[in-house]
């Protein structure tokens, strides 16, 4: 399955809701649910959530006060979430990026459960969790980790998935392939 349908839905949502944070979140809710419930989604965990986070930061972020910051390792520990531990220096091929994506997605799933338990936030419901700060704090952390991984990987031998900038839009080579 191609990654394009989910990517295209996110791109189509971002345009008309660029000045409507509530509309963006309302429109994201069914897309997020579909992505999580579709067996063969094609658009990988890191790329899907990276685009969601970028759109959130551009559309919703400016009106959130106080600004949302990623969870810290101490905040994770306080909620019973083991910090994500991986040697990012070892992610320098596309295959290693796939393994990294699988690893952080698995960690993310357990983090969702623990954060939901600790905060009372419906973190396991993809239609609702996007309306809560804790969801974005977790995903900002993951997106920051992804950025560090891409930067480290772009120094490696397999640069096909390094970030490229196309006009005002960032996209990875991996996004044009069948991504992680």
C-alpha atoms as a PDB file:
ATOM      1  CA  UNK A   1       0.000   0.000   0.000  1.00  0.00           C
ATOM      2  CA  UNK A   2       1.209   3.475  -0.832  1.00  0.00           C
ATOM      3  CA  UNK A   3       1.837   6.082   1.846  1.00  0.00           C
ATOM      4  CA  UNK A   4       0.136   8.728  -0.323  1.00  0.00           C
ATOM      5  CA  UNK A   5      -3.497   8.405   0.867  1.00  0.00           C
ATOM      6  CA  UNK A   6      -2.732   9.301   4.499  1.00  0.00           C
ATOM      7  CA  UNK A   7      -0.148  11.908   3.565  1.00  0.00           C
ATOM      8  CA  UNK A   8      -2.550  13.472   1.088  1.00  0.00           C
ATOM      9  CA  UNK A   9      -5.355  13.572   3.678  1.00  0.00           C
ATOM     10  CA  UNK A  10      -3.058  15.373   6.116  1.00  0.00           C
ATOM     11  CA  UNK A  11      -1.907  17.840   3.461  1.00  0.00           C
ATOM     12  CA  UNK A  12      -5.505  18.463   2.370  1.00  0.00           C
ATOM     13  CA  UNK A  13      -6.541  19.088   5.988  1.00  0.00           C
ATOM     14  CA  UNK A  14      -3.716  21.517   6.739  1.00  0.00           C
ATOM     15  CA  UNK A  15      -4.517  23.945   3.932  1.00  0.00           C
ATOM     16  CA  UNK A  16      -8.110  24.932   4.744  1.00  0.00           C
ATOM     17  CA  UNK A  17      -7.550  24.794   8.519  1.00  0.00           C
ATOM     18  CA  UNK A  18      -4.323  26.825   8.547  1.00  0.00           C
ATOM     19  CA  UNK A  19      -6.123  29.601  10.456  1.00  0.00           C
ATOM     20  CA  UNK A  20      -8.517  27.290  12.344  1.00  0.00           C
ATOM     21  CA  UNK A  21      -6.792  25.317  15.131  1.00  0.00           C
ATOM     22  CA  UNK A  22     -10.036  23.742  16.349  1.00  0.00           C
ATOM     23  CA  UNK A  23     -10.968  22.770  12.802  1.00  0.00           C
ATOM     24  CA  UNK A  24      -7.547  21.192  12.338  1.00  0.00           C
ATOM     25  CA  UNK A  25      -7.952  19.022  15.439  1.00  0.00           C
ATOM     26  CA  UNK A  26     -11.535  18.075  14.528  1.00  0.00           C
ATOM     27  CA  UNK A  27     -10.393  17.079  11.046  1.00  0.00           C
ATOM     28  CA  UNK A  28      -7.358  15.215  12.358  1.00  0.00           C
ATOM     29  CA  UNK A  29      -9.426  13.065  14.713  1.00  0.00           C
ATOM     30  CA  UNK A  30     -10.876  10.671  12.078  1.00  0.00           C
ATOM     31  CA  UNK A  31      -7.624  10.593  10.074  1.00  0.00           C
ATOM     32  CA  UNK A  32      -5.659   9.664  13.204  1.00  0.00           C
ATOM     33  CA  UNK A  33      -8.229   6.988  14.068  1.00  0.00           C
ATOM     34  CA  UNK A  34      -8.141   5.557  10.537  1.00  0.00           C
ATOM     35  CA  UNK A  35      -4.335   5.424  10.565  1.00  0.00           C
ATOM     36  CA  UNK A  36      -4.337   3.538  13.863  1.00  0.00           C
ATOM     37  CA  UNK A  37      -7.068   1.092  12.879  1.00  0.00           C
ATOM     38  CA  UNK A  38      -6.061   0.288   9.299  1.00  0.00           C
ATOM     39  CA  UNK A  39      -4.181  -3.012   9.076  1.00  0.00           C
ATOM     40  CA  UNK A  40      -2.063  -2.060   6.071  1.00  0.00           C
ATOM     41  CA  UNK A  41      -1.556   1.646   6.473  1.00  0.00           C
ATOM     42  CA  UNK A  42       1.482   2.144   4.219  1.00  0.00           C
ATOM     43  CA  UNK A  43       2.435   5.474   5.812  1.00  0.00           C
ATOM     44  CA  UNK A  44       4.881   4.598   8.564  1.00  0.00           C
ATOM     45  CA  UNK A  45       4.722   5.577  12.213  1.00  0.00           C
ATOM     46  CA  UNK A  46       7.495   8.176  12.197  1.00  0.00           C
ATOM     47  CA  UNK A  47       6.528   9.861   8.947  1.00  0.00           C
ATOM     48  CA  UNK A  48       2.811  10.019   9.746  1.00  0.00           C
ATOM     49  CA  UNK A  49       3.355  11.452  13.207  1.00  0.00           C
ATOM     50  CA  UNK A  50       6.122  13.783  11.996  1.00  0.00           C
ATOM     51  CA  UNK A  51       3.698  15.387   9.547  1.00  0.00           C
ATOM     52  CA  UNK A  52       0.975  15.524  12.232  1.00  0.00           C
ATOM     53  CA  UNK A  53       3.368  17.232  14.670  1.00  0.00           C
ATOM     54  CA  UNK A  54       4.612  19.703  12.035  1.00  0.00           C
ATOM     55  CA  UNK A  55       1.029  20.649  11.173  1.00  0.00           C
ATOM     56  CA  UNK A  56       0.083  20.947  14.846  1.00  0.00           C
ATOM     57  CA  UNK A  57       3.060  23.221  15.565  1.00  0.00           C
ATOM     58  CA  UNK A  58       2.169  25.467  12.618  1.00  0.00           C
ATOM     59  CA  UNK A  59      -1.624  25.578  13.079  1.00  0.00           C
ATOM     60  CA  UNK A  60      -2.449  24.888  16.733  1.00  0.00           C
ATOM     61  CA  UNK A  61       0.825  25.585  18.520  1.00  0.00           C
ATOM     62  CA  UNK A  62       0.728  29.382  18.177  1.00  0.00           C
ATOM     63  CA  UNK A  63      -2.540  29.631  20.151  1.00  0.00           C
ATOM     64  CA  UNK A  64      -1.637  27.213  22.964  1.00  0.00           C
ATOM     65  CA  UNK A  65      -0.626  28.975  26.159  1.00  0.00           C
ATOM     66  CA  UNK A  66       1.554  27.903  27.808  1.00  0.00           C
ATOM     67  CA  UNK A  67       3.394  26.422  24.854  1.00  0.00           C
ATOM     68  CA  UNK A  68       3.663  22.651  24.717  1.00  0.00           C
ATOM     69  CA  UNK A  69       7.083  21.214  25.432  1.00  0.00           C
ATOM     70  CA  UNK A  70       8.133  17.576  25.026  1.00  0.00           C
ATOM     71  CA  UNK A  71       8.081  15.384  28.102  1.00  0.00           C
ATOM     72  CA  UNK A  72      11.437  15.112  29.838  1.00  0.00           C
ATOM     73  CA  UNK A  73      12.975  11.820  30.864  1.00  0.00           C
ATOM     74  CA  UNK A  74      12.161  12.679  34.499  1.00  0.00           C
ATOM     75  CA  UNK A  75       8.510  13.330  33.639  1.00  0.00           C
ATOM     76  CA  UNK A  76       8.391   9.977  31.867  1.00  0.00           C
ATOM     77  CA  UNK A  77       9.871   8.246  34.925  1.00  0.00           C
ATOM     78  CA  UNK A  78       7.378  10.011  37.217  1.00  0.00           C
ATOM     79  CA  UNK A  79       4.548   8.504  35.131  1.00  0.00           C
ATOM     80  CA  UNK A  80       6.090   5.028  35.107  1.00  0.00           C
ATOM     81  CA  UNK A  81       7.406   5.249  31.541  1.00  0.00           C
ATOM     82  CA  UNK A  82      10.886   3.862  30.988  1.00  0.00           C
ATOM     83  CA  UNK A  83      12.870   6.423  28.960  1.00  0.00           C
ATOM     84  CA  UNK A  84      13.451   5.493  25.329  1.00  0.00           C
ATOM     85  CA  UNK A  85      17.000   4.234  25.061  1.00  0.00           C
ATOM     86  CA  UNK A  86      18.614   3.624  21.689  1.00  0.00           C
ATOM     87  CA  UNK A  87      22.025   4.318  20.203  1.00  0.00           C
ATOM     88  CA  UNK A  88      21.094   6.926  17.600  1.00  0.00           C
ATOM     89  CA  UNK A  89      24.621   6.889  16.208  1.00  0.00           C
ATOM     90  CA  UNK A  90      23.934   3.371  14.927  1.00  0.00           C
ATOM     91  CA  UNK A  91      21.057   4.459  12.664  1.00  0.00           C
ATOM     92  CA  UNK A  92      22.735   5.260   9.365  1.00  0.00           C
ATOM     93  CA  UNK A  93      21.042   3.034   6.783  1.00  0.00           C
ATOM     94  CA  UNK A  94      17.458   2.854   5.625  1.00  0.00           C
ATOM     95  CA  UNK A  95      17.119  -0.627   7.142  1.00  0.00           C
ATOM     96  CA  UNK A  96      18.371   0.662  10.495  1.00  0.00           C
ATOM     97  CA  UNK A  97      15.858   3.506  10.271  1.00  0.00           C
ATOM     98  CA  UNK A  98      13.089   0.921   9.790  1.00  0.00           C
ATOM     99  CA  UNK A  99      14.297  -0.935  12.901  1.00  0.00           C
ATOM    100  CA  UNK A 100      14.461   2.375  14.816  1.00  0.00           C
ATOM    101  CA  UNK A 101      10.895   3.199  13.754  1.00  0.00           C
ATOM    102  CA  UNK A 102       9.637  -0.186  14.940  1.00  0.00           C
ATOM    103  CA  UNK A 103      11.460   0.201  18.239  1.00  0.00           C
ATOM    104  CA  UNK A 104      10.200   3.706  19.013  1.00  0.00           C
ATOM    105  CA  UNK A 105       6.647   2.798  17.928  1.00  0.00           C
ATOM    106  CA  UNK A 106       6.638  -0.109  20.387  1.00  0.00           C
ATOM    107  CA  UNK A 107       7.996   2.128  23.172  1.00  0.00           C
ATOM    108  CA  UNK A 108       5.412   4.772  22.233  1.00  0.00           C
ATOM    109  CA  UNK A 109       2.553   2.278  22.619  1.00  0.00           C
ATOM    110  CA  UNK A 110       3.536   1.423  26.190  1.00  0.00           C
ATOM    111  CA  UNK A 111       4.146   5.123  26.907  1.00  0.00           C
ATOM    112  CA  UNK A 112       0.584   5.900  25.760  1.00  0.00           C
ATOM    113  CA  UNK A 113      -0.797   3.382  28.272  1.00  0.00           C
ATOM    114  CA  UNK A 114       1.340   4.543  31.189  1.00  0.00           C
ATOM    115  CA  UNK A 115       0.714   8.251  30.525  1.00  0.00           C
ATOM    116  CA  UNK A 116      -3.015   7.599  30.267  1.00  0.00           C
ATOM    117  CA  UNK A 117      -2.998   5.778  33.583  1.00  0.00           C
ATOM    118  CA  UNK A 118      -0.911   8.459  35.292  1.00  0.00           C
ATOM    119  CA  UNK A 119      -2.827  11.454  33.947  1.00  0.00           C
ATOM    120  CA  UNK A 120      -6.350  10.142  33.351  1.00  0.00           C
ATOM    121  CA  UNK A 121      -6.028  11.258  29.718  1.00  0.00           C
ATOM    122  CA  UNK A 122      -7.679   9.001  27.091  1.00  0.00           C
ATOM    123  CA  UNK A 123      -4.303   8.250  25.526  1.00  0.00           C
ATOM    124  CA  UNK A 124      -5.454   4.959  23.987  1.00  0.00           C
ATOM    125  CA  UNK A 125      -8.281   6.521  21.947  1.00  0.00           C
ATOM    126  CA  UNK A 126      -6.895   8.007  18.709  1.00  0.00           C
ATOM    127  CA  UNK A 127     -10.107   9.987  18.123  1.00  0.00           C
ATOM    128  CA  UNK A 128      -9.784  11.754  21.492  1.00  0.00           C
ATOM    129  CA  UNK A 129      -6.124  11.764  22.544  1.00  0.00           C
ATOM    130  CA  UNK A 130      -5.127  14.480  20.057  1.00  0.00           C
ATOM    131  CA  UNK A 131      -7.178  17.006  22.072  1.00  0.00           C
ATOM    132  CA  UNK A 132      -4.943  16.594  25.146  1.00  0.00           C
ATOM    133  CA  UNK A 133      -1.595  18.186  25.993  1.00  0.00           C
ATOM    134  CA  UNK A 134      -0.062  14.874  27.143  1.00  0.00           C
ATOM    135  CA  UNK A 135      -0.472  13.408  23.641  1.00  0.00           C
ATOM    136  CA  UNK A 136       1.457  16.280  22.099  1.00  0.00           C
ATOM    137  CA  UNK A 137       4.152  16.241  24.788  1.00  0.00           C
ATOM    138  CA  UNK A 138       4.789  12.572  23.992  1.00  0.00           C
ATOM    139  CA  UNK A 139       4.784  13.129  20.239  1.00  0.00           C
ATOM    140  CA  UNK A 140       6.991  16.223  20.446  1.00  0.00           C
ATOM    141  CA  UNK A 141       9.519  14.036  22.289  1.00  0.00           C
ATOM    142  CA  UNK A 142       9.269  11.348  19.589  1.00  0.00           C
ATOM    143  CA  UNK A 143       9.530  13.902  16.792  1.00  0.00           C
ATOM    144  CA  UNK A 144      12.608  15.477  18.404  1.00  0.00           C
ATOM    145  CA  UNK A 145      14.174  12.010  18.673  1.00  0.00           C
ATOM    146  CA  UNK A 146      13.343  11.363  15.009  1.00  0.00           C
ATOM    147  CA  UNK A 147      15.019  14.662  14.024  1.00  0.00           C
ATOM    148  CA  UNK A 148      18.180  13.718  15.935  1.00  0.00           C
ATOM    149  CA  UNK A 149      18.137  10.301  14.268  1.00  0.00           C
ATOM    150  CA  UNK A 150      17.759  11.813  10.797  1.00  0.00           C
ATOM    151  CA  UNK A 151      20.572  14.250  11.467  1.00  0.00           C
ATOM    152  CA  UNK A 152      22.853  11.460  12.710  1.00  0.00           C
ATOM    153  CA  UNK A 153      21.846   9.188   9.831  1.00  0.00           C
ATOM    154  CA  UNK A 154      22.557  11.840   7.249  1.00  0.00           C
ATOM    155  CA  UNK A 155      26.167  11.590   8.334  1.00  0.00           C
ATOM    156  CA  UNK A 156      26.146   7.839   7.563  1.00  0.00           C
ATOM    157  CA  UNK A 157      26.635   5.920   4.356  1.00  0.00           C
ATOM    158  CA  UNK A 158      22.998   5.558   3.193  1.00  0.00           C
ATOM    159  CA  UNK A 159      21.692   9.090   2.658  1.00  0.00           C
ATOM    160  CA  UNK A 160      18.580   8.200   0.616  1.00  0.00           C
ATOM    161  CA  UNK A 161      16.291   9.126   3.494  1.00  0.00           C
ATOM    162  CA  UNK A 162      17.966  12.328   4.602  1.00  0.00           C
ATOM    163  CA  UNK A 163      15.701  15.312   4.988  1.00  0.00           C
ATOM    164  CA  UNK A 164      15.339  17.517   1.943  1.00  0.00           C
ATOM    165  CA  UNK A 165      13.550  20.787   1.756  1.00  0.00           C
ATOM    166  CA  UNK A 166      11.181  21.477  -1.144  1.00  0.00           C
ATOM    167  CA  UNK A 167       9.990  25.078  -1.048  1.00  0.00           C
ATOM    168  CA  UNK A 168       8.122  25.604   2.231  1.00  0.00           C
ATOM    169  CA  UNK A 169       7.565  21.893   2.728  1.00  0.00           C
ATOM    170  CA  UNK A 170       9.941  19.386   4.267  1.00  0.00           C
ATOM    171  CA  UNK A 171       9.870  15.817   3.081  1.00  0.00           C
ATOM    172  CA  UNK A 172      12.218  12.885   3.436  1.00  0.00           C
ATOM    173  CA  UNK A 173      13.464  10.614   0.691  1.00  0.00           C
ATOM    174  CA  UNK A 174      11.915   7.815   2.734  1.00  0.00           C
ATOM    175  CA  UNK A 175       8.531   9.464   2.311  1.00  0.00           C
ATOM    176  CA  UNK A 176       8.866   8.963  -1.424  1.00  0.00           C
ATOM    177  CA  UNK A 177       9.732   5.292  -0.881  1.00  0.00           C
ATOM    178  CA  UNK A 178       7.651   2.867   1.106  1.00  0.00           C
ATOM    179  CA  UNK A 179       8.610   4.504   4.432  1.00  0.00           C
ATOM    180  CA  UNK A 180       9.111   3.245   7.946  1.00  0.00           C
END
